[in-house]
Structure formats: C-alpha cells, structure tokens
Amino acid sequence: MRNQAFRLSRYPQGKFSMDIFDMVPLPLPHFTEGEFLVMQTHMSLDPVMHAWLQQSKFQHAPPMHIGEILQSYGVGKVVESLNPNFPVGAQVVGLTGWSEYIVGNANMYLMDASLAPEAILSLFYFTGLTAYVCLFKLAQPKQGETLIITDAASAVGSLLGQLAKANGLSVLGITDSEEKCQWLMQEIGFDAAINTHSEHLESQLKAAAPNGIDIFFENSDEPIQELIYPQMNPYGRVIITDMPETQQHKAHPIPNLMQIQHKHLSIQGFEVHDYLELMQESHCVLAEYFAQGKIKYQAHVIEGFENLPETLIQYFNDAAPMGKLIVRF
C-alpha cells in the first residue's frame, strides 16, 4: 500500500509558499498493542495551522519542527487494530498528520459510521466542542438575548449562530463579503449580517441590534470590535475564542475599561484543549441538533492528497471559504 506524507522543509517567511513542504514516500507505520492503523480519508485545514507553522509562542498543540510530518485534524477508517475498542472498519477522528496512513491510539474518538466525514469535521470534534462550550458553558444564553459573532461565516462561527438560533436568540454575524452575508442570512438563518468592508458600520450595528448586544463572540480581533463594545448591554458576556495567528502583531485599541466596569461586562478567553473532558458530551448534544435538522454545515471540499500544500497556501494567502475547508483523499 502506498503511503505518502508531507514534511515541513522550512518555516514560512511572510506568505506561505510551496517550498515549505516536502512530499516523501514512507513505509506503512508500525503499531503496537493498544494502537491501530488508520487510512485517512479526509483532513481539515484550520486557522490554528498558521500558528503551528510559525513557531508561535501561543501553541495550541506541540510545535512542529523542520523535517517532521505536518499535523492536522483528520478522519479515517481503521484498517488494522491491536485495540479492541477501535475495531477494523471503525470511523475515527483526531489530531493526525499529513500522511495517508497514521497510527491511532486511545486519544482518537470513535464516530458514528453513518456520519459523513465532512459533517464530523464541520460540526463535531474541535469545531463542535468549541461552539458547544462557548455558548452553553461560558455564555449561558437566555432566550430573547442578542448575540453577535465575528468571523461568522467560519465553521465555528456559523455553528455557534445556528445553536443560538435554535435556543431562541437573535443572531448577528460579522463577516468580510456580501456573499458570506447572504449565505449567513439565507442558508444558515442569521437574523442579520454585516460586511466589515461596507460603509456606516456603526449605524448598521445599531439597526441590526436595536436592543443592544448581550453576548459577543470575538473570533477575529478586527477594528469593528471598537463599535461593538459600546453597544453591549449591562452584564453582557464577551467570549474570546482562538485568535488568528496573523493578528498577533496588529495593535488595536483595548476596550474602554470604564465601559466594562460600569456595564459589569465579563470577558473570558477560551482555549479548546482545556475542555477535552466535554468532547463526548458535546458530540451527544450536537448529534441531537443535527438529527432534528436544527444545524447544518457547509464544507468546501478539495480532491486529492497531493493538493494539500496548494490548498493551505490559498487558504492563508487568499480569502477563507465559507464553512470548513476539507481535503478528501
């Protein structure tokens, strides 16, 4: 069986380019008791990969080193097993790598074989865990409240908005194109969406949220946050999820601290790896929403293992697609 992989040949300088990847043939990996061999079928490309490739001090997973196989999140089928909990034919998801075959262990998650891999990567695993924890555990929404999400057309943002709508909230999305705005309102069911490149943002925000904003999910660290904080209602909640690595050197003014104090706002940072014990719980809850047709996903699928580098380059150098970006082998 063929087993190809991509290794990191050098760290990128500025924009990503093809010369940071090195495609190599590998023998099938050896596995021992408690492990199993997985043939990957789908892999997602996610914002956190920018940090992994940049030697960032804000790492969400072990840093990648020159010569190592690039890491990613993937779905695959168990083809050989020395672990009775992961039998041959089982569908699994986990932190994998840019390799056609990988060794799995108990840190991977069994997924219902009837679920499409695109759904698993778009609605479950870390995407689903992030949306589930941020909304239900941290924000603790009340029916009738107003919620705003930046980078709302991303997989996490669009799922958060759908869960909020299913629980009786008014949802406003912030994104970077008119096409994404229309998708959020017409396909996903948001009450309103605003293009950050349009004019009169402040008046648009006031019109879209006439009763103020109760919950703010910040996913992008863009200047529009300066217009959102003044519209927060007393006792509003701000949840800051994974910031794009590309934003770490940008200097935006911090929120007005007196406003935060006098409005009794709470601001909480979120890191998904702190909540892994809730993974199965989130899977169960989201599976119910999915079965009832209350949440759906948009997957932008690219065919071919060999297209991983070019797809990642376009993802970070150009505009991100709506929903989840997935490469299918």
C-alpha atoms as a PDB file:
ATOM      1  CA  MET A   1       0.000   0.000   0.000  1.00  0.00           C
ATOM      2  CA  ARG A   2       1.248   3.456  -0.889  1.00  0.00           C
ATOM      3  CA  ASN A   3       1.898   5.829   1.989  1.00  0.00           C
ATOM      4  CA  GLN A   4       2.832   9.382   1.076  1.00  0.00           C
ATOM      5  CA  ALA A   5       3.427  12.209   3.514  1.00  0.00           C
ATOM      6  CA  PHE A   6       4.319  15.894   3.597  1.00  0.00           C
ATOM      7  CA  ARG A   7       7.114  17.094   5.849  1.00  0.00           C
ATOM      8  CA  LEU A   8       7.901  20.657   6.878  1.00  0.00           C
ATOM      9  CA  SER A   9      11.041  21.667   4.970  1.00  0.00           C
ATOM     10  CA  ARG A  10      11.366  25.182   6.409  1.00  0.00           C
ATOM     11  CA  TYR A  11       9.345  27.726   8.338  1.00  0.00           C
ATOM     12  CA  PRO A  12       7.477  30.226   6.154  1.00  0.00           C
ATOM     13  CA  GLN A  13       8.726  33.775   5.851  1.00  0.00           C
ATOM     14  CA  GLY A  14       5.777  36.031   5.181  1.00  0.00           C
ATOM     15  CA  LYS A  15       3.282  34.430   2.826  1.00  0.00           C
ATOM     16  CA  PHE A  16       3.137  30.658   2.583  1.00  0.00           C
ATOM     17  CA  SER A  17       4.785  29.079  -0.480  1.00  0.00           C
ATOM     18  CA  MET A  18       5.257  25.594  -1.924  1.00  0.00           C
ATOM     19  CA  ASP A  19       8.887  25.340  -0.842  1.00  0.00           C
ATOM     20  CA  ILE A  20       7.979  24.892   2.824  1.00  0.00           C
ATOM     21  CA  PHE A  21       6.534  21.443   2.006  1.00  0.00           C
ATOM     22  CA  ASP A  22       8.408  18.282   1.097  1.00  0.00           C
ATOM     23  CA  MET A  23       6.436  15.287  -0.209  1.00  0.00           C
ATOM     24  CA  VAL A  24       8.047  11.943   0.669  1.00  0.00           C
ATOM     25  CA  PRO A  25       7.143   8.232   0.400  1.00  0.00           C
ATOM     26  CA  LEU A  26       7.051   6.355   3.706  1.00  0.00           C
ATOM     27  CA  PRO A  27       6.647   2.711   4.717  1.00  0.00           C
ATOM     28  CA  LEU A  28       3.437   1.820   6.486  1.00  0.00           C
ATOM     29  CA  PRO A  29       3.838   2.829  10.134  1.00  0.00           C
ATOM     30  CA  HIS A  30       4.459   0.157  12.764  1.00  0.00           C
ATOM     31  CA  PHE A  31       1.957  -0.030  15.605  1.00  0.00           C
ATOM     32  CA  THR A  32       1.920  -1.897  18.902  1.00  0.00           C
ATOM     33  CA  GLU A  33      -0.566  -3.189  21.481  1.00  0.00           C
ATOM     34  CA  GLY A  34      -3.309  -0.645  22.136  1.00  0.00           C
ATOM     35  CA  GLU A  35      -2.750   1.092  18.792  1.00  0.00           C
ATOM     36  CA  PHE A  36      -4.288   0.711  15.340  1.00  0.00           C
ATOM     37  CA  LEU A  37      -3.599   1.644  11.733  1.00  0.00           C
ATOM     38  CA  VAL A  38      -5.798   4.331  10.184  1.00  0.00           C
ATOM     39  CA  MET A  39      -6.223   5.060   6.492  1.00  0.00           C
ATOM     40  CA  GLN A  40      -7.087   8.737   6.374  1.00  0.00           C
ATOM     41  CA  THR A  41      -9.901   9.790   4.070  1.00  0.00           C
ATOM     42  CA  HIS A  42     -10.472  13.462   4.940  1.00  0.00           C
ATOM     43  CA  MET A  43      -8.412  16.230   6.507  1.00  0.00           C
ATOM     44  CA  SER A  44      -9.460  19.701   7.581  1.00  0.00           C
ATOM     45  CA  LEU A  45      -7.349  22.823   7.155  1.00  0.00           C
ATOM     46  CA  ASP A  46      -7.863  25.197  10.063  1.00  0.00           C
ATOM     47  CA  PRO A  47      -6.720  28.642  11.269  1.00  0.00           C
ATOM     48  CA  VAL A  48      -4.643  27.105  14.080  1.00  0.00           C
ATOM     49  CA  MET A  49      -2.289  25.657  11.451  1.00  0.00           C
ATOM     50  CA  HIS A  50      -0.883  29.132  10.897  1.00  0.00           C
ATOM     51  CA  ALA A  51       0.388  29.090  14.476  1.00  0.00           C
ATOM     52  CA  TRP A  52       1.765  25.564  14.169  1.00  0.00           C
ATOM     53  CA  LEU A  53       3.831  26.598  11.154  1.00  0.00           C
ATOM     54  CA  GLN A  54       5.128  29.839  12.633  1.00  0.00           C
ATOM     55  CA  GLN A  55       6.933  28.649  15.781  1.00  0.00           C
ATOM     56  CA  SER A  56       4.386  30.675  17.691  1.00  0.00           C
ATOM     57  CA  LYS A  57       4.696  31.014  21.454  1.00  0.00           C
ATOM     58  CA  PHE A  58       0.904  30.672  21.550  1.00  0.00           C
ATOM     59  CA  GLN A  59       0.805  26.989  20.660  1.00  0.00           C
ATOM     60  CA  HIS A  60      -2.444  25.003  20.683  1.00  0.00           C
ATOM     61  CA  ALA A  61      -0.592  21.741  20.098  1.00  0.00           C
ATOM     62  CA  PRO A  62       3.048  20.589  20.222  1.00  0.00           C
ATOM     63  CA  PRO A  63       5.108  22.820  17.886  1.00  0.00           C
ATOM     64  CA  MET A  64       6.131  21.468  14.519  1.00  0.00           C
ATOM     65  CA  HIS A  65       9.830  21.060  13.757  1.00  0.00           C
ATOM     66  CA  ILE A  66      11.722  21.042  10.480  1.00  0.00           C
ATOM     67  CA  GLY A  67      11.631  17.567   8.941  1.00  0.00           C
ATOM     68  CA  GLU A  68       8.523  16.450  10.807  1.00  0.00           C
ATOM     69  CA  ILE A  69       5.265  15.409   9.159  1.00  0.00           C
ATOM     70  CA  LEU A  70       2.819  18.309   9.213  1.00  0.00           C
ATOM     71  CA  GLN A  71      -0.036  17.894  11.655  1.00  0.00           C
ATOM     72  CA  SER A  72      -3.720  18.426  11.074  1.00  0.00           C
ATOM     73  CA  TYR A  73      -7.140  17.150  12.091  1.00  0.00           C
ATOM     74  CA  GLY A  74      -8.336  14.138  10.145  1.00  0.00           C
ATOM     75  CA  VAL A  75     -10.979  11.445   9.724  1.00  0.00           C
ATOM     76  CA  GLY A  76     -10.219   7.914   8.630  1.00  0.00           C
ATOM     77  CA  LYS A  77     -11.039   4.226   8.766  1.00  0.00           C
ATOM     78  CA  VAL A  78      -9.329   1.657  10.980  1.00  0.00           C
ATOM     79  CA  VAL A  79      -7.728  -0.942   8.668  1.00  0.00           C
ATOM     80  CA  GLU A  80      -5.739  -2.945  11.237  1.00  0.00           C
ATOM     81  CA  SER A  81      -6.079  -2.939  15.007  1.00  0.00           C
ATOM     82  CA  LEU A  82      -4.472  -4.099  18.233  1.00  0.00           C
ATOM     83  CA  ASN A  83      -7.077  -2.238  20.299  1.00  0.00           C
ATOM     84  CA  PRO A  84     -10.482  -3.910  20.826  1.00  0.00           C
ATOM     85  CA  ASN A  85     -12.134  -0.527  21.376  1.00  0.00           C
ATOM     86  CA  PHE A  86     -11.193   0.522  17.833  1.00  0.00           C
ATOM     87  CA  PRO A  87     -12.121  -2.426  15.585  1.00  0.00           C
ATOM     88  CA  VAL A  88     -11.332  -2.722  11.897  1.00  0.00           C
ATOM     89  CA  GLY A  89     -13.838  -0.681   9.892  1.00  0.00           C
ATOM     90  CA  ALA A  90     -14.465   1.876  12.636  1.00  0.00           C
ATOM     91  CA  GLN A  91     -14.525   5.576  11.707  1.00  0.00           C
ATOM     92  CA  VAL A  92     -12.282   7.771  13.849  1.00  0.00           C
ATOM     93  CA  VAL A  93     -11.318  11.440  14.169  1.00  0.00           C
ATOM     94  CA  GLY A  94      -8.327  13.036  15.834  1.00  0.00           C
ATOM     95  CA  LEU A  95      -5.153  15.072  15.611  1.00  0.00           C
ATOM     96  CA  THR A  96      -3.398  13.270  12.794  1.00  0.00           C
ATOM     97  CA  GLY A  97      -0.922  14.448  10.184  1.00  0.00           C
ATOM     98  CA  TRP A  98      -0.284  14.917   6.501  1.00  0.00           C
ATOM     99  CA  SER A  99       0.150  11.216   5.822  1.00  0.00           C
ATOM    100  CA  GLU A 100      -2.119   8.757   4.055  1.00  0.00           C
ATOM    101  CA  TYR A 101      -1.741   6.232   6.886  1.00  0.00           C
ATOM    102  CA  ILE A 102      -1.236   7.074  10.544  1.00  0.00           C
ATOM    103  CA  VAL A 103      -1.038   5.187  13.838  1.00  0.00           C
ATOM    104  CA  GLY A 104      -4.069   5.770  16.021  1.00  0.00           C
ATOM    105  CA  ASN A 105      -4.360   5.450  19.769  1.00  0.00           C
ATOM    106  CA  ALA A 106      -6.864   5.958  22.573  1.00  0.00           C
ATOM    107  CA  ASN A 107      -6.651   9.752  22.141  1.00  0.00           C
ATOM    108  CA  MET A 108      -8.714   9.464  18.964  1.00  0.00           C
ATOM    109  CA  TYR A 109     -12.518   9.432  19.024  1.00  0.00           C
ATOM    110  CA  LEU A 110     -14.861   6.846  17.587  1.00  0.00           C
ATOM    111  CA  MET A 111     -17.551   8.408  15.410  1.00  0.00           C
ATOM    112  CA  ASP A 112     -20.834   7.012  14.131  1.00  0.00           C
ATOM    113  CA  ALA A 113     -20.090   5.263  10.844  1.00  0.00           C
ATOM    114  CA  SER A 114     -23.249   6.796   9.358  1.00  0.00           C
ATOM    115  CA  LEU A 115     -21.891  10.339   9.765  1.00  0.00           C
ATOM    116  CA  ALA A 116     -20.246  11.828   6.702  1.00  0.00           C
ATOM    117  CA  PRO A 117     -16.598  12.753   7.367  1.00  0.00           C
ATOM    118  CA  GLU A 118     -17.406  16.299   6.212  1.00  0.00           C
ATOM    119  CA  ALA A 119     -20.068  16.532   8.939  1.00  0.00           C
ATOM    120  CA  ILE A 120     -17.673  15.190  11.568  1.00  0.00           C
ATOM    121  CA  LEU A 121     -15.064  17.863  10.804  1.00  0.00           C
ATOM    122  CA  SER A 122     -17.624  20.648  10.328  1.00  0.00           C
ATOM    123  CA  LEU A 123     -19.987  20.044  13.260  1.00  0.00           C
ATOM    124  CA  PHE A 124     -18.259  17.754  15.720  1.00  0.00           C
ATOM    125  CA  TYR A 125     -14.775  17.237  17.163  1.00  0.00           C
ATOM    126  CA  PHE A 126     -12.975  20.537  17.954  1.00  0.00           C
ATOM    127  CA  THR A 127     -15.368  22.679  15.895  1.00  0.00           C
ATOM    128  CA  GLY A 128     -18.372  21.320  17.766  1.00  0.00           C
ATOM    129  CA  LEU A 129     -16.638  21.327  21.136  1.00  0.00           C
ATOM    130  CA  THR A 130     -15.698  24.992  20.695  1.00  0.00           C
ATOM    131  CA  ALA A 131     -19.221  26.054  19.761  1.00  0.00           C
ATOM    132  CA  TYR A 132     -20.831  23.908  22.478  1.00  0.00           C
ATOM    133  CA  VAL A 133     -18.621  25.089  25.343  1.00  0.00           C
ATOM    134  CA  CYS A 134     -18.517  28.738  24.321  1.00  0.00           C
ATOM    135  CA  LEU A 135     -22.279  29.024  24.018  1.00  0.00           C
ATOM    136  CA  PHE A 136     -23.715  26.738  26.663  1.00  0.00           C
ATOM    137  CA  LYS A 137     -20.992  26.601  29.315  1.00  0.00           C
ATOM    138  CA  LEU A 138     -19.437  30.061  29.119  1.00  0.00           C
ATOM    139  CA  ALA A 139     -22.028  32.448  27.677  1.00  0.00           C
ATOM    140  CA  GLN A 140     -25.044  30.724  29.288  1.00  0.00           C
ATOM    141  CA  PRO A 141     -27.552  32.411  26.953  1.00  0.00           C
ATOM    142  CA  LYS A 142     -31.105  33.348  27.839  1.00  0.00           C
ATOM    143  CA  GLN A 143     -33.938  33.184  25.352  1.00  0.00           C
ATOM    144  CA  GLY A 144     -34.533  36.543  23.684  1.00  0.00           C
ATOM    145  CA  GLU A 145     -30.983  37.814  24.078  1.00  0.00           C
ATOM    146  CA  THR A 146     -28.934  39.183  21.188  1.00  0.00           C
ATOM    147  CA  LEU A 147     -25.667  37.566  20.176  1.00  0.00           C
ATOM    148  CA  ILE A 148     -23.016  38.856  17.784  1.00  0.00           C
ATOM    149  CA  ILE A 149     -20.258  36.777  16.159  1.00  0.00           C
ATOM    150  CA  THR A 150     -17.205  37.985  14.255  1.00  0.00           C
ATOM    151  CA  ASP A 151     -15.787  35.748  11.508  1.00  0.00           C
ATOM    152  CA  ALA A 152     -19.319  34.393  11.459  1.00  0.00           C
ATOM    153  CA  ALA A 153     -19.016  32.500   8.170  1.00  0.00           C
ATOM    154  CA  SER A 154     -16.318  30.206   9.567  1.00  0.00           C
ATOM    155  CA  ALA A 155     -17.193  26.676  10.646  1.00  0.00           C
ATOM    156  CA  VAL A 156     -17.217  27.633  14.341  1.00  0.00           C
ATOM    157  CA  GLY A 157     -18.986  30.947  13.802  1.00  0.00           C
ATOM    158  CA  SER A 158     -21.778  29.536  11.663  1.00  0.00           C
ATOM    159  CA  LEU A 159     -22.335  26.619  14.071  1.00  0.00           C
ATOM    160  CA  LEU A 160     -22.449  28.956  17.068  1.00  0.00           C
ATOM    161  CA  GLY A 161     -25.062  31.088  15.355  1.00  0.00           C
ATOM    162  CA  GLN A 162     -27.240  28.101  14.486  1.00  0.00           C
ATOM    163  CA  LEU A 163     -27.124  26.760  18.041  1.00  0.00           C
ATOM    164  CA  ALA A 164     -28.040  30.200  19.353  1.00  0.00           C
ATOM    165  CA  LYS A 165     -30.968  30.494  16.935  1.00  0.00           C
ATOM    166  CA  ALA A 166     -32.183  27.037  17.983  1.00  0.00           C
ATOM    167  CA  ASN A 167     -32.284  28.318  21.558  1.00  0.00           C
ATOM    168  CA  GLY A 168     -34.300  31.456  20.899  1.00  0.00           C
ATOM    169  CA  LEU A 169     -31.614  34.106  20.487  1.00  0.00           C
ATOM    170  CA  SER A 170     -31.354  36.861  17.930  1.00  0.00           C
ATOM    171  CA  VAL A 171     -28.099  36.369  15.991  1.00  0.00           C
ATOM    172  CA  LEU A 172     -25.995  38.956  14.162  1.00  0.00           C
ATOM    173  CA  GLY A 173     -22.966  37.885  12.110  1.00  0.00           C
ATOM    174  CA  ILE A 174     -19.928  39.912  11.085  1.00  0.00           C
ATOM    175  CA  THR A 175     -18.010  38.730   8.026  1.00  0.00           C
ATOM    176  CA  ASP A 176     -15.898  40.031   5.133  1.00  0.00           C
ATOM    177  CA  SER A 177     -18.040  39.805   1.986  1.00  0.00           C
ATOM    178  CA  GLU A 178     -21.577  40.324   0.743  1.00  0.00           C
ATOM    179  CA  GLU A 179     -21.667  36.713  -0.482  1.00  0.00           C
ATOM    180  CA  LYS A 180     -20.980  35.445   3.031  1.00  0.00           C
ATOM    181  CA  CYS A 181     -23.579  37.835   4.471  1.00  0.00           C
ATOM    182  CA  GLN A 182     -26.232  36.430   2.156  1.00  0.00           C
ATOM    183  CA  TRP A 183     -25.209  32.865   2.996  1.00  0.00           C
ATOM    184  CA  LEU A 184     -25.461  33.534   6.728  1.00  0.00           C
ATOM    185  CA  MET A 185     -28.938  35.019   6.442  1.00  0.00           C
ATOM    186  CA  GLN A 186     -30.483  32.902   3.685  1.00  0.00           C
ATOM    187  CA  GLU A 187     -28.882  29.498   4.297  1.00  0.00           C
ATOM    188  CA  ILE A 188     -27.831  29.485   7.953  1.00  0.00           C
ATOM    189  CA  GLY A 189     -30.694  31.546   9.362  1.00  0.00           C
ATOM    190  CA  PHE A 190     -28.940  34.511  10.986  1.00  0.00           C
ATOM    191  CA  ASP A 191     -31.189  37.495  11.676  1.00  0.00           C
ATOM    192  CA  ALA A 192     -28.672  39.940  10.200  1.00  0.00           C
ATOM    193  CA  ALA A 193     -25.149  40.014   8.791  1.00  0.00           C
ATOM    194  CA  ILE A 194     -22.758  42.897   8.229  1.00  0.00           C
ATOM    195  CA  ASN A 195     -19.868  43.131   5.783  1.00  0.00           C
ATOM    196  CA  THR A 196     -16.856  44.718   7.506  1.00  0.00           C
ATOM    197  CA  HIS A 197     -15.871  46.334   4.192  1.00  0.00           C
ATOM    198  CA  SER A 198     -19.147  48.235   3.874  1.00  0.00           C
ATOM    199  CA  GLU A 199     -19.795  51.806   4.980  1.00  0.00           C
ATOM    200  CA  HIS A 200     -21.600  53.155   8.047  1.00  0.00           C
ATOM    201  CA  LEU A 201     -20.791  50.148  10.236  1.00  0.00           C
ATOM    202  CA  GLU A 202     -21.889  51.837  13.445  1.00  0.00           C
ATOM    203  CA  SER A 203     -25.357  52.680  12.143  1.00  0.00           C
ATOM    204  CA  GLN A 204     -25.668  49.173  10.656  1.00  0.00           C
ATOM    205  CA  LEU A 205     -24.850  47.643  14.044  1.00  0.00           C
ATOM    206  CA  LYS A 206     -27.435  49.796  15.799  1.00  0.00           C
ATOM    207  CA  ALA A 207     -30.083  48.907  13.235  1.00  0.00           C
ATOM    208  CA  ALA A 208     -29.303  45.185  13.415  1.00  0.00           C
ATOM    209  CA  ALA A 209     -29.264  45.116  17.222  1.00  0.00           C
ATOM    210  CA  PRO A 210     -31.777  47.784  18.322  1.00  0.00           C
ATOM    211  CA  ASN A 211     -31.997  46.301  21.829  1.00  0.00           C
ATOM    212  CA  GLY A 212     -28.250  46.165  22.332  1.00  0.00           C
ATOM    213  CA  ILE A 213     -25.922  43.178  22.431  1.00  0.00           C
ATOM    214  CA  ASP A 214     -25.838  40.639  25.253  1.00  0.00           C
ATOM    215  CA  ILE A 215     -23.206  38.165  24.046  1.00  0.00           C
ATOM    216  CA  PHE A 216     -20.173  38.884  21.869  1.00  0.00           C
ATOM    217  CA  PHE A 217     -18.135  36.035  20.384  1.00  0.00           C
ATOM    218  CA  GLU A 218     -14.847  37.507  19.217  1.00  0.00           C
ATOM    219  CA  ASN A 219     -13.052  35.334  16.648  1.00  0.00           C
ATOM    220  CA  SER A 220     -11.136  37.829  14.545  1.00  0.00           C
ATOM    221  CA  ASP A 221      -9.686  40.784  16.510  1.00  0.00           C
ATOM    222  CA  GLU A 222     -10.748  43.251  13.843  1.00  0.00           C
ATOM    223  CA  PRO A 223     -11.315  47.011  14.414  1.00  0.00           C
ATOM    224  CA  ILE A 224     -15.111  46.567  14.362  1.00  0.00           C
ATOM    225  CA  GLN A 225     -14.844  45.437  17.995  1.00  0.00           C
ATOM    226  CA  GLU A 226     -14.445  49.113  18.906  1.00  0.00           C
ATOM    227  CA  LEU A 227     -18.032  49.643  17.694  1.00  0.00           C
ATOM    228  CA  ILE A 228     -19.414  46.533  19.370  1.00  0.00           C
ATOM    229  CA  TYR A 229     -18.364  47.182  22.975  1.00  0.00           C
ATOM    230  CA  PRO A 230     -20.334  50.457  23.289  1.00  0.00           C
ATOM    231  CA  GLN A 231     -23.496  48.573  22.238  1.00  0.00           C
ATOM    232  CA  MET A 232     -23.084  45.843  24.856  1.00  0.00           C
ATOM    233  CA  ASN A 233     -25.888  45.659  27.409  1.00  0.00           C
ATOM    234  CA  PRO A 234     -25.238  45.631  31.169  1.00  0.00           C
ATOM    235  CA  TYR A 235     -23.964  42.245  32.349  1.00  0.00           C
ATOM    236  CA  GLY A 236     -23.055  41.318  28.790  1.00  0.00           C
ATOM    237  CA  ARG A 237     -20.623  38.462  28.155  1.00  0.00           C
ATOM    238  CA  VAL A 238     -17.634  38.530  25.815  1.00  0.00           C
ATOM    239  CA  ILE A 239     -16.052  35.213  24.828  1.00  0.00           C
ATOM    240  CA  ILE A 240     -12.711  35.412  23.040  1.00  0.00           C
ATOM    241  CA  THR A 241     -12.048  32.249  21.053  1.00  0.00           C
ATOM    242  CA  ASP A 242      -8.935  31.233  19.095  1.00  0.00           C
ATOM    243  CA  MET A 243      -7.431  34.388  17.629  1.00  0.00           C
ATOM    244  CA  PRO A 244      -5.904  34.081  14.153  1.00  0.00           C
ATOM    245  CA  GLU A 245      -2.104  33.921  14.365  1.00  0.00           C
ATOM    246  CA  THR A 246      -1.967  36.613  11.697  1.00  0.00           C
ATOM    247  CA  GLN A 247      -3.456  39.069  14.193  1.00  0.00           C
ATOM    248  CA  GLN A 248      -0.846  38.816  16.935  1.00  0.00           C
ATOM    249  CA  HIS A 249       1.229  41.771  15.696  1.00  0.00           C
ATOM    250  CA  LYS A 250      -1.724  44.076  14.992  1.00  0.00           C
ATOM    251  CA  ALA A 251      -2.275  46.816  17.534  1.00  0.00           C
ATOM    252  CA  HIS A 252      -5.965  47.537  18.097  1.00  0.00           C
ATOM    253  CA  PRO A 253      -7.092  49.749  20.984  1.00  0.00           C
ATOM    254  CA  ILE A 254      -8.196  47.772  24.030  1.00  0.00           C
ATOM    255  CA  PRO A 255     -11.854  48.067  25.042  1.00  0.00           C
ATOM    256  CA  ASN A 256     -12.810  51.033  27.190  1.00  0.00           C
ATOM    257  CA  LEU A 257     -12.156  49.740  30.717  1.00  0.00           C
ATOM    258  CA  MET A 258     -14.589  52.164  32.344  1.00  0.00           C
ATOM    259  CA  GLN A 259     -17.294  50.913  29.994  1.00  0.00           C
ATOM    260  CA  ILE A 260     -16.504  47.342  31.016  1.00  0.00           C
ATOM    261  CA  GLN A 261     -16.645  48.286  34.687  1.00  0.00           C
ATOM    262  CA  HIS A 262     -19.834  50.342  34.641  1.00  0.00           C
ATOM    263  CA  LYS A 263     -21.677  47.878  32.410  1.00  0.00           C
ATOM    264  CA  HIS A 264     -20.482  44.928  34.526  1.00  0.00           C
ATOM    265  CA  LEU A 265     -19.229  43.144  31.415  1.00  0.00           C
ATOM    266  CA  SER A 266     -17.440  39.827  31.747  1.00  0.00           C
ATOM    267  CA  ILE A 267     -14.647  38.934  29.302  1.00  0.00           C
ATOM    268  CA  GLN A 268     -13.345  35.388  29.109  1.00  0.00           C
ATOM    269  CA  GLY A 269     -10.698  33.799  26.948  1.00  0.00           C
ATOM    270  CA  PHE A 270     -11.284  30.306  25.592  1.00  0.00           C
ATOM    271  CA  GLU A 271      -8.872  27.540  24.615  1.00  0.00           C
ATOM    272  CA  VAL A 272     -10.500  24.339  23.376  1.00  0.00           C
ATOM    273  CA  HIS A 273      -7.894  21.978  24.836  1.00  0.00           C
ATOM    274  CA  ASP A 274      -8.984  22.998  28.338  1.00  0.00           C
ATOM    275  CA  TYR A 275     -12.352  21.282  27.768  1.00  0.00           C
ATOM    276  CA  LEU A 276     -11.484  17.910  26.254  1.00  0.00           C
ATOM    277  CA  GLU A 277     -13.407  16.128  29.022  1.00  0.00           C
ATOM    278  CA  LEU A 278     -16.586  17.552  27.457  1.00  0.00           C
ATOM    279  CA  MET A 279     -15.915  16.109  23.986  1.00  0.00           C
ATOM    280  CA  GLN A 280     -18.324  13.169  24.267  1.00  0.00           C
ATOM    281  CA  GLU A 281     -20.970  15.351  25.894  1.00  0.00           C
ATOM    282  CA  SER A 282     -20.753  17.847  23.056  1.00  0.00           C
ATOM    283  CA  HIS A 283     -20.938  15.021  20.493  1.00  0.00           C
ATOM    284  CA  CYS A 284     -24.166  13.727  22.037  1.00  0.00           C
ATOM    285  CA  VAL A 285     -25.822  17.143  22.235  1.00  0.00           C
ATOM    286  CA  LEU A 286     -24.837  18.197  18.725  1.00  0.00           C
ATOM    287  CA  ALA A 287     -25.920  14.852  17.290  1.00  0.00           C
ATOM    288  CA  GLU A 288     -29.440  15.587  18.586  1.00  0.00           C
ATOM    289  CA  TYR A 289     -29.487  19.031  16.985  1.00  0.00           C
ATOM    290  CA  PHE A 290     -28.197  17.554  13.729  1.00  0.00           C
ATOM    291  CA  ALA A 291     -30.752  14.737  13.704  1.00  0.00           C
ATOM    292  CA  GLN A 292     -33.533  17.283  14.269  1.00  0.00           C
ATOM    293  CA  GLY A 293     -32.332  19.408  11.343  1.00  0.00           C
ATOM    294  CA  LYS A 294     -31.522  22.394  13.576  1.00  0.00           C
ATOM    295  CA  ILE A 295     -27.896  22.659  12.460  1.00  0.00           C
ATOM    296  CA  LYS A 296     -26.267  22.127   9.083  1.00  0.00           C
ATOM    297  CA  TYR A 297     -22.837  22.644   7.609  1.00  0.00           C
ATOM    298  CA  GLN A 298     -21.047  23.993   4.592  1.00  0.00           C
ATOM    299  CA  ALA A 299     -17.912  22.110   3.532  1.00  0.00           C
ATOM    300  CA  HIS A 300     -15.563  23.360   0.828  1.00  0.00           C
ATOM    301  CA  VAL A 301     -14.010  20.091  -0.379  1.00  0.00           C
ATOM    302  CA  ILE A 302     -10.801  19.791  -2.427  1.00  0.00           C
ATOM    303  CA  GLU A 303      -9.960  16.436  -4.006  1.00  0.00           C
ATOM    304  CA  GLY A 304      -6.549  14.815  -3.738  1.00  0.00           C
ATOM    305  CA  PHE A 305      -3.896  14.285  -1.066  1.00  0.00           C
ATOM    306  CA  GLU A 306      -1.309  15.866  -3.337  1.00  0.00           C
ATOM    307  CA  ASN A 307      -3.267  19.146  -3.291  1.00  0.00           C
ATOM    308  CA  LEU A 308      -2.834  19.746   0.449  1.00  0.00           C
ATOM    309  CA  PRO A 309       0.036  22.289   0.145  1.00  0.00           C
ATOM    310  CA  GLU A 310      -1.567  24.398  -2.576  1.00  0.00           C
ATOM    311  CA  THR A 311      -4.898  24.371  -0.732  1.00  0.00           C
ATOM    312  CA  LEU A 312      -3.309  25.534   2.520  1.00  0.00           C
ATOM    313  CA  ILE A 313      -1.393  28.279   0.715  1.00  0.00           C
ATOM    314  CA  GLN A 314      -4.597  29.610  -0.859  1.00  0.00           C
ATOM    315  CA  TYR A 315      -6.383  29.367   2.490  1.00  0.00           C
ATOM    316  CA  PHE A 316      -3.918  31.640   4.275  1.00  0.00           C
ATOM    317  CA  ASN A 317      -2.878  33.894   1.397  1.00  0.00           C
ATOM    318  CA  ASP A 318      -6.374  34.459  -0.014  1.00  0.00           C
ATOM    319  CA  ALA A 319      -9.879  34.799   1.426  1.00  0.00           C
ATOM    320  CA  ALA A 320     -11.048  31.895   3.583  1.00  0.00           C
ATOM    321  CA  PRO A 321     -14.057  29.954   2.241  1.00  0.00           C
ATOM    322  CA  MET A 322     -17.426  29.671   3.941  1.00  0.00           C
ATOM    323  CA  GLY A 323     -17.643  26.855   6.443  1.00  0.00           C
ATOM    324  CA  LYS A 324     -14.977  24.159   6.752  1.00  0.00           C
ATOM    325  CA  LEU A 325     -12.128  23.647   4.272  1.00  0.00           C
ATOM    326  CA  ILE A 326     -11.554  19.897   3.747  1.00  0.00           C
ATOM    327  CA  VAL A 327      -9.232  17.863   1.555  1.00  0.00           C
ATOM    328  CA  ARG A 328     -10.609  14.455   0.561  1.00  0.00           C
ATOM    329  CA  PHE A 329      -8.128  11.748  -0.439  1.00  0.00           C
END
